[in-house]
C-alpha atoms as a PDB file:
ATOM      1  CA  MET A   1       2.562 -51.762  63.416  1.00  0.00           C
ATOM      2  CA  ALA A   2       0.531 -48.588  63.480  1.00  0.00           C
ATOM      3  CA  LYS A   3       0.092 -46.702  60.224  1.00  0.00           C
ATOM      4  CA  LEU A   4      -0.508 -42.940  59.943  1.00  0.00           C
ATOM      5  CA  PRO A   5      -2.801 -41.268  57.365  1.00  0.00           C
ATOM      6  CA  ARG A   6      -1.052 -40.444  54.093  1.00  0.00           C
ATOM      7  CA  LEU A   7       0.967 -37.245  54.184  1.00  0.00           C
ATOM      8  CA  LYS A   8      -0.457 -34.486  51.961  1.00  0.00           C
ATOM      9  CA  SER A   9       2.220 -31.974  52.984  1.00  0.00           C
ATOM     10  CA  VAL A  10       5.327 -31.688  55.171  1.00  0.00           C
ATOM     11  CA  PRO A  11       4.230 -31.760  58.788  1.00  0.00           C
ATOM     12  CA  ASP A  12       4.465 -28.398  60.633  1.00  0.00           C
ATOM     13  CA  GLY A  13       7.077 -28.186  63.313  1.00  0.00           C
ATOM     14  CA  LEU A  14      10.400 -29.807  63.925  1.00  0.00           C
ATOM     15  CA  ILE A  15      11.578 -32.695  61.942  1.00  0.00           C
ATOM     16  CA  HIS A  16      14.147 -34.538  64.030  1.00  0.00           C
ATOM     17  CA  CYS A  17      16.948 -36.529  62.384  1.00  0.00           C
ATOM     18  CA  PRO A  18      18.480 -39.629  64.097  1.00  0.00           C
ATOM     19  CA  ILE A  19      22.190 -39.776  63.806  1.00  0.00           C
ATOM     20  CA  THR A  20      24.005 -43.110  63.198  1.00  0.00           C
ATOM     21  CA  PRO A  21      25.868 -44.597  66.188  1.00  0.00           C
ATOM     22  CA  PHE A  22      28.836 -46.880  65.808  1.00  0.00           C
ATOM     23  CA  THR A  23      30.360 -49.500  68.088  1.00  0.00           C
ATOM     24  CA  PRO A  24      34.099 -49.448  68.842  1.00  0.00           C
ATOM     25  CA  ASP A  25      34.397 -52.026  66.063  1.00  0.00           C
ATOM     26  CA  ASN A  26      32.890 -49.492  63.575  1.00  0.00           C
ATOM     27  CA  GLU A  27      29.604 -51.401  63.201  1.00  0.00           C
ATOM     28  CA  VAL A  28      26.166 -49.838  63.296  1.00  0.00           C
ATOM     29  CA  ASP A  29      25.009 -49.891  66.831  1.00  0.00           C
ATOM     30  CA  THR A  30      21.302 -50.789  66.621  1.00  0.00           C
ATOM     31  CA  ASP A  31      20.769 -50.763  70.373  1.00  0.00           C
ATOM     32  CA  VAL A  32      21.891 -47.243  70.709  1.00  0.00           C
ATOM     33  CA  PHE A  33      20.036 -46.218  67.474  1.00  0.00           C
ATOM     34  CA  VAL A  34      16.785 -47.436  69.129  1.00  0.00           C
ATOM     35  CA  LYS A  35      17.570 -45.103  72.122  1.00  0.00           C
ATOM     36  CA  ILE A  36      18.232 -42.240  69.663  1.00  0.00           C
ATOM     37  CA  VAL A  37      14.848 -42.685  67.953  1.00  0.00           C
ATOM     38  CA  GLU A  38      12.976 -43.056  71.268  1.00  0.00           C
ATOM     39  CA  PHE A  39      14.659 -39.896  72.566  1.00  0.00           C
ATOM     40  CA  LEU A  40      13.761 -37.866  69.523  1.00  0.00           C
ATOM     41  CA  LEU A  41      10.208 -39.085  69.579  1.00  0.00           C
ATOM     42  CA  LYS A  42       9.858 -37.616  73.083  1.00  0.00           C
ATOM     43  CA  GLN A  43      10.825 -34.154  71.712  1.00  0.00           C
ATOM     44  CA  ASP A  44       7.477 -33.244  69.975  1.00  0.00           C
ATOM     45  CA  ALA A  45       8.785 -34.554  66.622  1.00  0.00           C
ATOM     46  CA  GLY A  46       6.503 -33.421  63.732  1.00  0.00           C
ATOM     47  CA  ALA A  47       8.365 -36.182  61.825  1.00  0.00           C
ATOM     48  CA  LEU A  48      11.607 -38.092  61.789  1.00  0.00           C
ATOM     49  CA  CYS A  49      14.037 -38.180  58.829  1.00  0.00           C
ATOM     50  CA  VAL A  50      16.458 -41.105  58.703  1.00  0.00           C
ATOM     51  CA  ASN A  51      19.729 -41.496  56.786  1.00  0.00           C
ATOM     52  CA  LEU A  52      20.570 -37.879  56.234  1.00  0.00           C
ATOM     53  CA  HIS A  53      24.138 -36.640  55.737  1.00  0.00           C
ATOM     54  CA  LEU A  54      24.018 -35.722  59.441  1.00  0.00           C
ATOM     55  CA  ALA A  55      23.674 -39.489  59.908  1.00  0.00           C
ATOM     56  CA  GLU A  56      26.748 -40.087  57.805  1.00  0.00           C
ATOM     57  CA  SER A  57      24.692 -41.666  55.055  1.00  0.00           C
ATOM     58  CA  LEU A  58      27.617 -41.205  52.615  1.00  0.00           C
ATOM     59  CA  ASN A  59      29.660 -43.638  54.855  1.00  0.00           C
ATOM     60  CA  LEU A  60      26.964 -46.232  55.138  1.00  0.00           C
ATOM     61  CA  THR A  61      26.427 -49.242  52.833  1.00  0.00           C
ATOM     62  CA  GLN A  62      23.030 -49.795  51.095  1.00  0.00           C
ATOM     63  CA  GLU A  63      22.201 -52.585  53.512  1.00  0.00           C
ATOM     64  CA  GLU A  64      23.115 -50.459  56.533  1.00  0.00           C
ATOM     65  CA  ARG A  65      20.765 -47.704  55.262  1.00  0.00           C
ATOM     66  CA  LYS A  66      17.979 -50.170  54.699  1.00  0.00           C
ATOM     67  CA  LEU A  67      18.473 -51.527  58.178  1.00  0.00           C
ATOM     68  CA  LEU A  68      18.320 -48.089  59.876  1.00  0.00           C
ATOM     69  CA  ALA A  69      15.272 -47.008  57.920  1.00  0.00           C
ATOM     70  CA  LYS A  70      13.396 -50.154  58.781  1.00  0.00           C
ATOM     71  CA  LEU A  71      14.410 -49.978  62.420  1.00  0.00           C
ATOM     72  CA  CYS A  72      13.292 -46.274  62.566  1.00  0.00           C
ATOM     73  CA  VAL A  73       9.856 -47.156  61.166  1.00  0.00           C
ATOM     74  CA  GLU A  74       9.451 -50.031  63.614  1.00  0.00           C
ATOM     75  CA  VAL A  75      10.465 -47.951  66.677  1.00  0.00           C
ATOM     76  CA  ALA A  76       8.372 -44.974  65.624  1.00  0.00           C
ATOM     77  CA  ASP A  77       5.366 -47.266  65.233  1.00  0.00           C
ATOM     78  CA  GLY A  78       3.029 -44.505  64.048  1.00  0.00           C
ATOM     79  CA  ARG A  79       3.985 -41.987  66.699  1.00  0.00           C
ATOM     80  CA  ALA A  80       5.455 -39.714  64.046  1.00  0.00           C
ATOM     81  CA  PRO A  81       5.830 -39.930  60.300  1.00  0.00           C
ATOM     82  CA  VAL A  82       9.121 -41.347  59.069  1.00  0.00           C
ATOM     83  CA  ILE A  83      10.810 -39.780  56.038  1.00  0.00           C
ATOM     84  CA  VAL A  84      13.560 -41.882  54.482  1.00  0.00           C
ATOM     85  CA  ASN A  85      16.366 -40.094  52.683  1.00  0.00           C
ATOM     86  CA  VAL A  86      17.279 -42.294  49.679  1.00  0.00           C
ATOM     87  CA  ALA A  87      19.829 -39.877  48.218  1.00  0.00           C
ATOM     88  CA  THR A  88      22.682 -41.359  46.118  1.00  0.00           C
ATOM     89  CA  PRO A  89      24.443 -40.095  43.045  1.00  0.00           C
ATOM     90  CA  GLY A  90      23.074 -43.145  41.157  1.00  0.00           C
ATOM     91  CA  THR A  91      19.358 -43.253  40.135  1.00  0.00           C
ATOM     92  CA  ASP A  92      19.061 -47.033  40.413  1.00  0.00           C
ATOM     93  CA  LEU A  93      20.654 -47.128  43.802  1.00  0.00           C
ATOM     94  CA  ALA A  94      18.136 -44.526  45.081  1.00  0.00           C
ATOM     95  CA  ILE A  95      15.274 -46.513  43.549  1.00  0.00           C
ATOM     96  CA  ASN A  96      16.399 -49.580  45.392  1.00  0.00           C
ATOM     97  CA  LEU A  97      16.378 -47.686  48.631  1.00  0.00           C
ATOM     98  CA  ALA A  98      12.995 -46.114  47.907  1.00  0.00           C
ATOM     99  CA  ARG A  99      11.329 -49.419  47.155  1.00  0.00           C
ATOM    100  CA  GLN A 100      12.671 -50.929  50.318  1.00  0.00           C
ATOM    101  CA  ALA A 101      11.554 -47.924  52.400  1.00  0.00           C
ATOM    102  CA  GLU A 102       8.023 -48.375  50.925  1.00  0.00           C
ATOM    103  CA  GLU A 103       8.105 -52.183  51.716  1.00  0.00           C
ATOM    104  CA  ASP A 104       9.141 -51.401  55.265  1.00  0.00           C
ATOM    105  CA  GLY A 105       6.280 -48.976  55.924  1.00  0.00           C
ATOM    106  CA  ALA A 106       7.958 -45.531  55.593  1.00  0.00           C
ATOM    107  CA  ASP A 107       5.632 -42.593  55.281  1.00  0.00           C
ATOM    108  CA  CYS A 108       7.650 -40.585  52.743  1.00  0.00           C
ATOM    109  CA  ILE A 109      10.926 -40.518  50.765  1.00  0.00           C
ATOM    110  CA  MET A 110      13.324 -37.744  50.044  1.00  0.00           C
ATOM    111  CA  THR A 111      16.249 -37.412  47.759  1.00  0.00           C
ATOM    112  CA  ILE A 112      18.789 -34.861  46.485  1.00  0.00           C
ATOM    113  CA  ALA A 113      20.001 -34.083  42.904  1.00  0.00           C
ATOM    114  CA  PRO A 114      22.496 -36.500  41.420  1.00  0.00           C
ATOM    115  CA  TYR A 115      25.689 -34.906  42.743  1.00  0.00           C
ATOM    116  CA  TYR A 116      29.209 -35.511  41.168  1.00  0.00           C
ATOM    117  CA  TRP A 117      27.925 -36.352  37.706  1.00  0.00           C
ATOM    118  CA  LYS A 118      26.607 -32.787  37.010  1.00  0.00           C
ATOM    119  CA  PRO A 119      23.774 -33.676  34.620  1.00  0.00           C
ATOM    120  CA  PRO A 120      21.916 -30.901  32.732  1.00  0.00           C
ATOM    121  CA  GLU A 121      18.493 -29.645  33.748  1.00  0.00           C
ATOM    122  CA  ASP A 122      16.684 -32.518  31.805  1.00  0.00           C
ATOM    123  CA  GLY A 123      18.914 -35.076  33.379  1.00  0.00           C
ATOM    124  CA  ILE A 124      18.294 -33.790  36.910  1.00  0.00           C
ATOM    125  CA  TYR A 125      14.465 -33.874  36.211  1.00  0.00           C
ATOM    126  CA  GLU A 126      14.707 -37.464  34.881  1.00  0.00           C
ATOM    127  CA  HIS A 127      16.681 -38.560  38.016  1.00  0.00           C
ATOM    128  CA  PHE A 128      13.911 -37.244  40.285  1.00  0.00           C
ATOM    129  CA  ALA A 129      11.092 -38.522  37.945  1.00  0.00           C
ATOM    130  CA  GLU A 130      12.413 -42.092  38.033  1.00  0.00           C
ATOM    131  CA  ILE A 131      12.669 -42.126  41.823  1.00  0.00           C
ATOM    132  CA  ILE A 132       9.264 -40.488  42.384  1.00  0.00           C
ATOM    133  CA  GLN A 133       7.546 -43.022  40.093  1.00  0.00           C
ATOM    134  CA  ALA A 134       9.331 -45.983  41.701  1.00  0.00           C
ATOM    135  CA  THR A 135       6.966 -46.062  44.636  1.00  0.00           C
ATOM    136  CA  ASP A 136       3.485 -44.769  45.736  1.00  0.00           C
ATOM    137  CA  LEU A 137       4.922 -42.777  48.640  1.00  0.00           C
ATOM    138  CA  PRO A 138       4.811 -39.009  49.069  1.00  0.00           C
ATOM    139  CA  PHE A 139       7.933 -37.376  47.969  1.00  0.00           C
ATOM    140  CA  ILE A 140      10.116 -34.488  49.204  1.00  0.00           C
ATOM    141  CA  GLY A 141      12.809 -32.917  47.056  1.00  0.00           C
ATOM    142  CA  TYR A 142      16.090 -31.919  48.608  1.00  0.00           C
ATOM    143  CA  ASN A 143      18.026 -28.921  47.295  1.00  0.00           C
ATOM    144  CA  SER A 144      21.604 -28.431  48.438  1.00  0.00           C
ATOM    145  CA  PRO A 145      23.700 -27.032  45.553  1.00  0.00           C
ATOM    146  CA  GLY A 146      26.350 -25.619  47.932  1.00  0.00           C
ATOM    147  CA  ILE A 147      27.718 -28.986  48.935  1.00  0.00           C
ATOM    148  CA  MET A 148      26.705 -30.845  45.725  1.00  0.00           C
ATOM    149  CA  ASP A 149      28.989 -29.178  43.187  1.00  0.00           C
ATOM    150  CA  GLY A 150      26.265 -26.590  42.256  1.00  0.00           C
ATOM    151  CA  ILE A 151      23.695 -29.241  41.282  1.00  0.00           C
ATOM    152  CA  GLY A 152      20.292 -28.531  42.688  1.00  0.00           C
ATOM    153  CA  ILE A 153      16.576 -28.155  41.985  1.00  0.00           C
ATOM    154  CA  SER A 154      15.714 -25.098  40.028  1.00  0.00           C
ATOM    155  CA  PRO A 155      12.279 -23.407  40.301  1.00  0.00           C
ATOM    156  CA  SER A 156      11.441 -24.526  36.698  1.00  0.00           C
ATOM    157  CA  ASN A 157      12.282 -28.212  37.482  1.00  0.00           C
ATOM    158  CA  LEU A 158      10.370 -27.970  40.701  1.00  0.00           C
ATOM    159  CA  THR A 159       7.315 -26.704  38.787  1.00  0.00           C
ATOM    160  CA  ARG A 160       7.632 -29.428  36.216  1.00  0.00           C
ATOM    161  CA  MET A 161       7.802 -32.131  38.894  1.00  0.00           C
ATOM    162  CA  MET A 162       4.883 -30.793  40.777  1.00  0.00           C
ATOM    163  CA  GLU A 163       2.700 -30.632  37.602  1.00  0.00           C
ATOM    164  CA  ASN A 164       3.500 -34.137  36.701  1.00  0.00           C
ATOM    165  CA  PHE A 165       3.673 -35.830  40.132  1.00  0.00           C
ATOM    166  CA  PRO A 166       0.979 -34.833  42.617  1.00  0.00           C
ATOM    167  CA  GLN A 167       2.701 -37.035  45.289  1.00  0.00           C
ATOM    168  CA  MET A 168       5.415 -34.276  45.565  1.00  0.00           C
ATOM    169  CA  ILE A 169       4.520 -32.619  48.867  1.00  0.00           C
ATOM    170  CA  GLY A 170       7.494 -30.418  49.810  1.00  0.00           C
ATOM    171  CA  ILE A 171      11.093 -29.345  49.333  1.00  0.00           C
ATOM    172  CA  LYS A 172      14.018 -29.054  51.776  1.00  0.00           C
ATOM    173  CA  ASP A 173      16.136 -26.147  50.678  1.00  0.00           C
ATOM    174  CA  ALA A 174      19.627 -26.270  52.110  1.00  0.00           C
ATOM    175  CA  SER A 175      21.048 -23.692  49.658  1.00  0.00           C
ATOM    176  CA  HIS A 176      21.487 -21.098  52.499  1.00  0.00           C
ATOM    177  CA  ASN A 177      20.453 -18.591  49.832  1.00  0.00           C
ATOM    178  CA  TRP A 178      17.207 -16.813  50.756  1.00  0.00           C
ATOM    179  CA  GLU A 179      16.538 -15.725  47.162  1.00  0.00           C
ATOM    180  CA  THR A 180      16.598 -19.351  46.106  1.00  0.00           C
ATOM    181  CA  PHE A 181      14.326 -20.254  49.075  1.00  0.00           C
ATOM    182  CA  LEU A 182      11.867 -17.600  48.120  1.00  0.00           C
ATOM    183  CA  GLU A 183      11.877 -18.483  44.432  1.00  0.00           C
ATOM    184  CA  LEU A 184      11.312 -22.136  45.143  1.00  0.00           C
ATOM    185  CA  GLY A 185       8.485 -21.214  47.450  1.00  0.00           C
ATOM    186  CA  ARG A 186       6.951 -18.795  45.030  1.00  0.00           C
ATOM    187  CA  ALA A 187       7.042 -21.469  42.215  1.00  0.00           C
ATOM    188  CA  ALA A 188       5.616 -24.141  44.400  1.00  0.00           C
ATOM    189  CA  ARG A 189       2.795 -22.248  46.109  1.00  0.00           C
ATOM    190  CA  LYS A 190       1.403 -21.137  42.741  1.00  0.00           C
ATOM    191  CA  ILE A 191       0.544 -24.866  42.184  1.00  0.00           C
ATOM    192  CA  LYS A 192      -0.071 -26.139  45.767  1.00  0.00           C
ATOM    193  CA  PRO A 193      -0.727 -23.570  48.502  1.00  0.00           C
ATOM    194  CA  ASN A 194       0.032 -26.028  51.235  1.00  0.00           C
ATOM    195  CA  PHE A 195       3.272 -27.207  49.642  1.00  0.00           C
ATOM    196  CA  GLY A 196       5.885 -27.887  52.322  1.00  0.00           C
ATOM    197  CA  LEU A 197       8.894 -25.575  52.425  1.00  0.00           C
ATOM    198  CA  PHE A 198      11.674 -25.904  54.958  1.00  0.00           C
ATOM    199  CA  VAL A 199      15.381 -25.648  55.599  1.00  0.00           C
ATOM    200  CA  GLY A 200      17.780 -28.232  56.741  1.00  0.00           C
ATOM    201  CA  THR A 201      19.166 -26.425  59.809  1.00  0.00           C
ATOM    202  CA  GLU A 202      17.792 -24.107  62.580  1.00  0.00           C
ATOM    203  CA  TRP A 203      17.763 -20.901  60.529  1.00  0.00           C
ATOM    204  CA  MET A 204      14.256 -20.365  61.799  1.00  0.00           C
ATOM    205  CA  ILE A 205      13.804 -16.621  61.728  1.00  0.00           C
ATOM    206  CA  PRO A 206      14.508 -16.296  57.970  1.00  0.00           C
ATOM    207  CA  SER A 207      12.972 -19.531  56.900  1.00  0.00           C
ATOM    208  CA  LEU A 208       9.684 -19.370  58.916  1.00  0.00           C
ATOM    209  CA  THR A 209       9.078 -15.644  58.208  1.00  0.00           C
ATOM    210  CA  LEU A 210       9.750 -16.233  54.420  1.00  0.00           C
ATOM    211  CA  GLY A 211       6.999 -18.865  54.030  1.00  0.00           C
ATOM    212  CA  GLY A 212       8.505 -21.981  55.560  1.00  0.00           C
ATOM    213  CA  ASN A 213       6.305 -24.322  57.669  1.00  0.00           C
ATOM    214  CA  ALA A 214       8.809 -26.603  59.300  1.00  0.00           C
ATOM    215  CA  CYS A 215      12.463 -27.035  60.280  1.00  0.00           C
ATOM    216  CA  MET A 216      14.718 -30.075  59.911  1.00  0.00           C
ATOM    217  CA  SER A 217      16.630 -29.957  63.099  1.00  0.00           C
ATOM    218  CA  VAL A 218      20.395 -30.692  63.574  1.00  0.00           C
ATOM    219  CA  PHE A 219      20.338 -29.835  67.272  1.00  0.00           C
ATOM    220  CA  GLY A 220      17.038 -31.588  68.261  1.00  0.00           C
ATOM    221  CA  GLY A 221      19.009 -34.367  69.974  1.00  0.00           C
ATOM    222  CA  ILE A 222      21.378 -32.035  71.711  1.00  0.00           C
ATOM    223  CA  ALA A 223      19.314 -29.128  72.949  1.00  0.00           C
ATOM    224  CA  PRO A 224      15.607 -30.012  72.256  1.00  0.00           C
ATOM    225  CA  ASN A 225      14.245 -27.360  74.683  1.00  0.00           C
ATOM    226  CA  PHE A 226      16.331 -24.620  72.996  1.00  0.00           C
ATOM    227  CA  VAL A 227      15.300 -25.678  69.500  1.00  0.00           C
ATOM    228  CA  LYS A 228      11.558 -25.968  70.463  1.00  0.00           C
ATOM    229  CA  SER A 229      11.528 -22.513  72.062  1.00  0.00           C
ATOM    230  CA  LEU A 230      13.249 -20.928  69.165  1.00  0.00           C
ATOM    231  CA  TYR A 231      10.560 -22.418  66.802  1.00  0.00           C
ATOM    232  CA  GLU A 232       7.712 -21.386  69.013  1.00  0.00           C
ATOM    233  CA  GLU A 233       8.968 -17.854  69.474  1.00  0.00           C
ATOM    234  CA  VAL A 234       9.354 -17.275  65.768  1.00  0.00           C
ATOM    235  CA  LYS A 235       5.886 -18.788  65.097  1.00  0.00           C
ATOM    236  CA  ALA A 236       4.368 -16.492  67.802  1.00  0.00           C
ATOM    237  CA  GLY A 237       6.081 -13.387  66.301  1.00  0.00           C
ATOM    238  CA  LYS A 238       8.325 -12.896  69.265  1.00  0.00           C
ATOM    239  CA  LEU A 239      11.249 -11.991  67.031  1.00  0.00           C
ATOM    240  CA  ASP A 240      13.282  -9.978  69.521  1.00  0.00           C
ATOM    241  CA  ARG A 241      13.504 -12.980  71.870  1.00  0.00           C
ATOM    242  CA  ALA A 242      13.925 -15.449  69.030  1.00  0.00           C
ATOM    243  CA  LEU A 243      16.821 -13.341  67.624  1.00  0.00           C
ATOM    244  CA  GLU A 244      18.867 -13.909  70.894  1.00  0.00           C
ATOM    245  CA  LYS A 245      18.573 -17.707  70.275  1.00  0.00           C
ATOM    246  CA  GLN A 246      19.220 -17.373  66.581  1.00  0.00           C
ATOM    247  CA  PHE A 247      22.464 -15.680  67.361  1.00  0.00           C
ATOM    248  CA  ILE A 248      23.368 -18.542  69.763  1.00  0.00           C
ATOM    249  CA  TYR A 249      22.506 -21.047  66.993  1.00  0.00           C
ATOM    250  CA  SER A 250      24.638 -19.198  64.525  1.00  0.00           C
ATOM    251  CA  GLU A 251      27.672 -19.522  66.817  1.00  0.00           C
ATOM    252  CA  LEU A 252      26.979 -23.224  67.226  1.00  0.00           C
ATOM    253  CA  TYR A 253      26.574 -23.656  63.467  1.00  0.00           C
ATOM    254  CA  GLN A 254      30.067 -22.212  62.940  1.00  0.00           C
ATOM    255  CA  ILE A 255      31.406 -24.910  65.232  1.00  0.00           C
ATOM    256  CA  ILE A 256      29.615 -27.865  63.692  1.00  0.00           C
ATOM    257  CA  LYS A 257      30.599 -26.884  60.168  1.00  0.00           C
ATOM    258  CA  GLN A 258      34.210 -27.825  61.004  1.00  0.00           C
ATOM    259  CA  GLU A 259      34.555 -31.595  60.258  1.00  0.00           C
ATOM    260  CA  TYR A 260      30.859 -32.124  60.270  1.00  0.00           C
ATOM    261  CA  PRO A 261      29.256 -34.135  61.849  1.00  0.00           C
ATOM    262  CA  ALA A 262      31.994 -34.976  64.337  1.00  0.00           C
ATOM    263  CA  PRO A 263      31.240 -32.014  66.626  1.00  0.00           C
ATOM    264  CA  THR A 264      27.509 -32.960  66.623  1.00  0.00           C
ATOM    265  CA  LYS A 265      28.306 -36.410  67.817  1.00  0.00           C
ATOM    266  CA  ALA A 266      30.612 -34.884  70.479  1.00  0.00           C
ATOM    267  CA  MET A 267      27.728 -32.706  71.769  1.00  0.00           C
ATOM    268  CA  TRP A 268      25.446 -35.744  72.037  1.00  0.00           C
ATOM    269  CA  GLU A 269      28.058 -37.331  74.270  1.00  0.00           C
ATOM    270  CA  ILE A 270      28.481 -34.159  76.330  1.00  0.00           C
ATOM    271  CA  MET A 271      24.729 -34.217  76.974  1.00  0.00           C
ATOM    272  CA  GLY A 272      24.962 -37.817  78.360  1.00  0.00           C
ATOM    273  CA  ARG A 273      23.999 -39.583  75.106  1.00  0.00           C
ATOM    274  CA  PRO A 274      27.147 -41.255  73.726  1.00  0.00           C
ATOM    275  CA  VAL A 275      26.812 -42.340  70.142  1.00  0.00           C
ATOM    276  CA  GLY A 276      30.304 -43.410  69.262  1.00  0.00           C
ATOM    277  CA  ALA A 277      32.905 -41.905  66.876  1.00  0.00           C
ATOM    278  CA  PRO A 278      32.199 -40.901  63.337  1.00  0.00           C
ATOM    279  CA  ARG A 279      33.349 -43.089  60.446  1.00  0.00           C
ATOM    280  CA  ARG A 280      36.442 -42.188  58.531  1.00  0.00           C
ATOM    281  CA  PRO A 281      37.466 -39.896  56.971  1.00  0.00           C
ATOM    282  CA  GLN A 282      35.628 -37.871  59.635  1.00  0.00           C
ATOM    283  CA  ARG A 283      37.741 -37.709  62.808  1.00  0.00           C
ATOM    284  CA  GLN A 284      36.673 -37.966  66.402  1.00  0.00           C
ATOM    285  CA  VAL A 285      36.748 -34.721  68.372  1.00  0.00           C
ATOM    286  CA  SER A 286      39.894 -34.570  70.599  1.00  0.00           C
ATOM    287  CA  PRO A 287      39.523 -34.525  74.397  1.00  0.00           C
ATOM    288  CA  LYS A 288      40.779 -30.957  74.422  1.00  0.00           C
ATOM    289  CA  ALA A 289      38.118 -29.859  71.844  1.00  0.00           C
ATOM    290  CA  MET A 290      35.477 -31.871  73.838  1.00  0.00           C
ATOM    291  CA  LYS A 291      36.246 -29.641  76.948  1.00  0.00           C
ATOM    292  CA  GLU A 292      36.004 -26.488  74.814  1.00  0.00           C
ATOM    293  CA  LEU A 293      32.677 -27.652  73.413  1.00  0.00           C
ATOM    294  CA  GLU A 294      31.379 -28.355  76.922  1.00  0.00           C
ATOM    295  CA  ALA A 295      32.516 -24.939  78.113  1.00  0.00           C
ATOM    296  CA  THR A 296      30.754 -23.317  75.123  1.00  0.00           C
ATOM    297  CA  LEU A 297      27.467 -25.114  75.813  1.00  0.00           C
ATOM    298  CA  ASP A 298      27.746 -24.076  79.446  1.00  0.00           C
ATOM    299  CA  ARG A 299      28.322 -20.386  78.462  1.00  0.00           C
ATOM    300  CA  MET A 300      25.332 -20.468  76.232  1.00  0.00           C
ATOM    301  CA  GLY A 301      23.137 -21.739  79.032  1.00  0.00           C
ATOM    302  CA  ILE A 302      22.437 -25.050  77.204  1.00  0.00           C
ATOM    303  CA  LEU A 303      24.517 -27.455  79.342  1.00  0.00           C
ATOM    304  CA  ASN A 304      22.300 -27.297  82.413  1.00  0.00           C
ATOM    305  CA  SER A 305      18.911 -26.459  80.816  1.00  0.00           C
ATOM    306  CA  GLU A 306      18.522 -29.518  78.582  1.00  0.00           C
ATOM    307  CA  PRO A 307      17.747 -33.178  79.287  1.00  0.00           C
ATOM    308  CA  LYS A 308      20.739 -35.264  80.264  1.00  0.00           C
ATOM    309  CA  GLY A 309      21.018 -38.899  79.302  1.00  0.00           C
ATOM    310  CA  TRP A 310      18.412 -40.918  77.522  1.00  0.00           C
END
């Protein structure tokens, strides 16, 4: 299996995220997962990130997460770096996933703060420190206080981690707060000018113009041409043209927020790439809602300008 050079920062460009397909019997569909990874690799992936919340990681067992991470590494086979999200509320569970990811050849690990338990600042730092030290892999922090009961990575904790662990190469900020994004970037770039800074959705105009270098894509498997052109236009400074697409994305984002990630899976199916229903408690999009989603994608010009099928 091909091995890439060690990551020194978060790769520029789009980080595509395989979702998790399920069979009618609610089992992980490994055959379709291989198709998903292959499709995303064809979309100029700067990297892949497996087992995110988009992939319903909270509804997967530890063994299923290990299986998907290993399979992603095997299919990628050095064509793009593979980042494995090892986020769990429990430190030991995350360490178990991280060590398996390293054994299976992953390029990097990422994790979020220990949600639900609401530890103090020192407890959050210790959670990250234990996971970082459990492997020799590069590490990306994941900040998402909005959906994690307010628990996140503060600029002071980020500074502390970077000073103690040089393998920390970046942070994904999903706070949707641009002051937080800037403060994390300001703290990090004082220590490491090439530190990776990116958001977890396609908010590219604000993130890339405020110091971000990448984008973790939700829609890369649905509308890869649209996502790529938005990224390229922002990077080229064509903000008037990019803003038109950013408005379209904003409308799409309002849709996928409802019973996430079920609408995302529905859109994959509309584009000819069926991936099965989400696991409970998420509900499958109704036939009526599917028709409405298809009409929305048609109105936006996405339905007939993007690849259909695998």
